[in-house]
Amino acid sequence: MQNTEIFDRISSEPDICHGKPCITGTRIPVYLIVSLLAEGEDTESIIQDYPSITPDDIKRAMKYAAKLCEYEAYAI
């Protein structure tokens, strides 16, 4: 998956969720999707709770998070 494929479904708008990256066309932040997956939720249950997203959106959210980890360094 190339970066353009990721960013066509992940966007950041100052007026939506305080500029946090979200699934494009929704107010569902990437961090929420990644957190749900980390807690053990599966794709089907996430989509059931958030029917405006697709399995591909979830994959792209994970890819986006991976790219952030690749390029950003934060002290924990």
C-alpha atoms as a PDB file:
ATOM      1  CA  MET A   1       0.000   0.000   0.000  1.00  0.00           C
ATOM      2  CA  GLN A   2       1.450   3.313  -1.047  1.00  0.00           C
ATOM      3  CA  ASN A   3       1.209   6.555   0.938  1.00  0.00           C
ATOM      4  CA  THR A   4      -1.317   7.997  -1.528  1.00  0.00           C
ATOM      5  CA  GLU A   5      -3.602   5.040  -0.820  1.00  0.00           C
ATOM      6  CA  ILE A   6      -3.348   5.720   2.899  1.00  0.00           C
ATOM      7  CA  PHE A   7      -3.933   9.437   2.698  1.00  0.00           C
ATOM      8  CA  ASP A   8      -6.954   9.281   0.430  1.00  0.00           C
ATOM      9  CA  ARG A   9      -8.875   7.828   3.407  1.00  0.00           C
ATOM     10  CA  ILE A  10      -7.076   9.561   6.295  1.00  0.00           C
ATOM     11  CA  SER A  11      -7.425  13.310   6.662  1.00  0.00           C
ATOM     12  CA  SER A  12      -6.806  16.031   9.182  1.00  0.00           C
ATOM     13  CA  GLU A  13      -9.009  19.117   9.255  1.00  0.00           C
ATOM     14  CA  PRO A  14      -8.607  21.837  11.913  1.00  0.00           C
ATOM     15  CA  ASP A  15     -12.373  21.993  12.501  1.00  0.00           C
ATOM     16  CA  ILE A  16     -12.862  18.230  12.849  1.00  0.00           C
ATOM     17  CA  CYS A  17     -11.732  16.486  16.055  1.00  0.00           C
ATOM     18  CA  HIS A  18      -9.287  19.305  16.801  1.00  0.00           C
ATOM     19  CA  GLY A  19      -7.243  18.429  13.720  1.00  0.00           C
ATOM     20  CA  LYS A  20      -6.536  14.859  14.764  1.00  0.00           C
ATOM     21  CA  PRO A  21      -6.240  12.431  11.825  1.00  0.00           C
ATOM     22  CA  CYS A  22      -9.611  10.843  11.070  1.00  0.00           C
ATOM     23  CA  ILE A  23     -11.114   8.467   8.572  1.00  0.00           C
ATOM     24  CA  THR A  24     -11.993  10.806   5.695  1.00  0.00           C
ATOM     25  CA  GLY A  25     -15.640  11.862   5.695  1.00  0.00           C
ATOM     26  CA  THR A  26     -16.170  10.832   9.310  1.00  0.00           C
ATOM     27  CA  ARG A  27     -15.340  12.109  12.754  1.00  0.00           C
ATOM     28  CA  ILE A  28     -13.738   8.802  13.675  1.00  0.00           C
ATOM     29  CA  PRO A  29     -10.136   9.434  14.730  1.00  0.00           C
ATOM     30  CA  VAL A  30      -7.347   7.079  13.758  1.00  0.00           C
ATOM     31  CA  TYR A  31      -6.254   6.778  17.386  1.00  0.00           C
ATOM     32  CA  LEU A  32      -9.670   5.349  18.307  1.00  0.00           C
ATOM     33  CA  ILE A  33      -9.431   2.612  15.681  1.00  0.00           C
ATOM     34  CA  VAL A  34      -5.867   1.738  16.680  1.00  0.00           C
ATOM     35  CA  SER A  35      -6.800   1.730  20.379  1.00  0.00           C
ATOM     36  CA  LEU A  36      -9.762  -0.567  19.790  1.00  0.00           C
ATOM     37  CA  LEU A  37      -7.580  -3.016  17.873  1.00  0.00           C
ATOM     38  CA  ALA A  38      -4.936  -2.877  20.614  1.00  0.00           C
ATOM     39  CA  GLU A  39      -7.615  -3.744  23.168  1.00  0.00           C
ATOM     40  CA  GLY A  40      -8.522  -6.855  21.190  1.00  0.00           C
ATOM     41  CA  GLU A  41     -11.543  -5.676  19.214  1.00  0.00           C
ATOM     42  CA  ASP A  42     -11.836  -7.308  15.824  1.00  0.00           C
ATOM     43  CA  THR A  43     -12.571  -5.574  12.549  1.00  0.00           C
ATOM     44  CA  GLU A  44     -16.143  -6.844  12.396  1.00  0.00           C
ATOM     45  CA  SER A  45     -17.071  -5.491  15.839  1.00  0.00           C
ATOM     46  CA  ILE A  46     -15.496  -2.116  15.056  1.00  0.00           C
ATOM     47  CA  ILE A  47     -17.490  -1.881  11.828  1.00  0.00           C
ATOM     48  CA  GLN A  48     -20.641  -2.897  13.686  1.00  0.00           C
ATOM     49  CA  ASP A  49     -20.063  -0.010  16.122  1.00  0.00           C
ATOM     50  CA  TYR A  50     -18.926   2.401  13.375  1.00  0.00           C
ATOM     51  CA  PRO A  51     -20.784   1.365  10.198  1.00  0.00           C
ATOM     52  CA  SER A  52     -19.508   4.339   8.205  1.00  0.00           C
ATOM     53  CA  ILE A  53     -16.055   2.759   7.931  1.00  0.00           C
ATOM     54  CA  THR A  54     -14.841  -0.254   5.979  1.00  0.00           C
ATOM     55  CA  PRO A  55     -12.272  -2.973   6.622  1.00  0.00           C
ATOM     56  CA  ASP A  56      -9.991  -1.117   4.225  1.00  0.00           C
ATOM     57  CA  ASP A  57     -10.361   2.064   6.313  1.00  0.00           C
ATOM     58  CA  ILE A  58      -9.192   0.101   9.349  1.00  0.00           C
ATOM     59  CA  LYS A  59      -6.160  -1.199   7.439  1.00  0.00           C
ATOM     60  CA  ARG A  60      -5.312   2.301   6.315  1.00  0.00           C
ATOM     61  CA  ALA A  61      -5.620   3.612   9.874  1.00  0.00           C
ATOM     62  CA  MET A  62      -3.129   0.969  10.990  1.00  0.00           C
ATOM     63  CA  LYS A  63      -0.780   1.807   8.110  1.00  0.00           C
ATOM     64  CA  TYR A  64      -1.042   5.503   8.990  1.00  0.00           C
ATOM     65  CA  ALA A  65      -0.156   4.754  12.620  1.00  0.00           C
ATOM     66  CA  ALA A  66       2.789   2.622  11.480  1.00  0.00           C
ATOM     67  CA  LYS A  67       4.061   5.465   9.292  1.00  0.00           C
ATOM     68  CA  LEU A  68       3.880   7.847  12.245  1.00  0.00           C
ATOM     69  CA  CYS A  69       5.962   5.465  14.322  1.00  0.00           C
ATOM     70  CA  GLU A  70       8.453   5.163  11.499  1.00  0.00           C
ATOM     71  CA  TYR A  71       9.028   8.915  11.209  1.00  0.00           C
ATOM     72  CA  GLU A  72       8.273  10.352  14.650  1.00  0.00           C
ATOM     73  CA  ALA A  73      10.286   9.957  17.817  1.00  0.00           C
ATOM     74  CA  TYR A  74       8.647  10.728  21.134  1.00  0.00           C
ATOM     75  CA  ALA A  75       9.976  10.238  24.624  1.00  0.00           C
ATOM     76  CA  ILE A  76       7.804   7.919  26.655  1.00  0.00           C
END
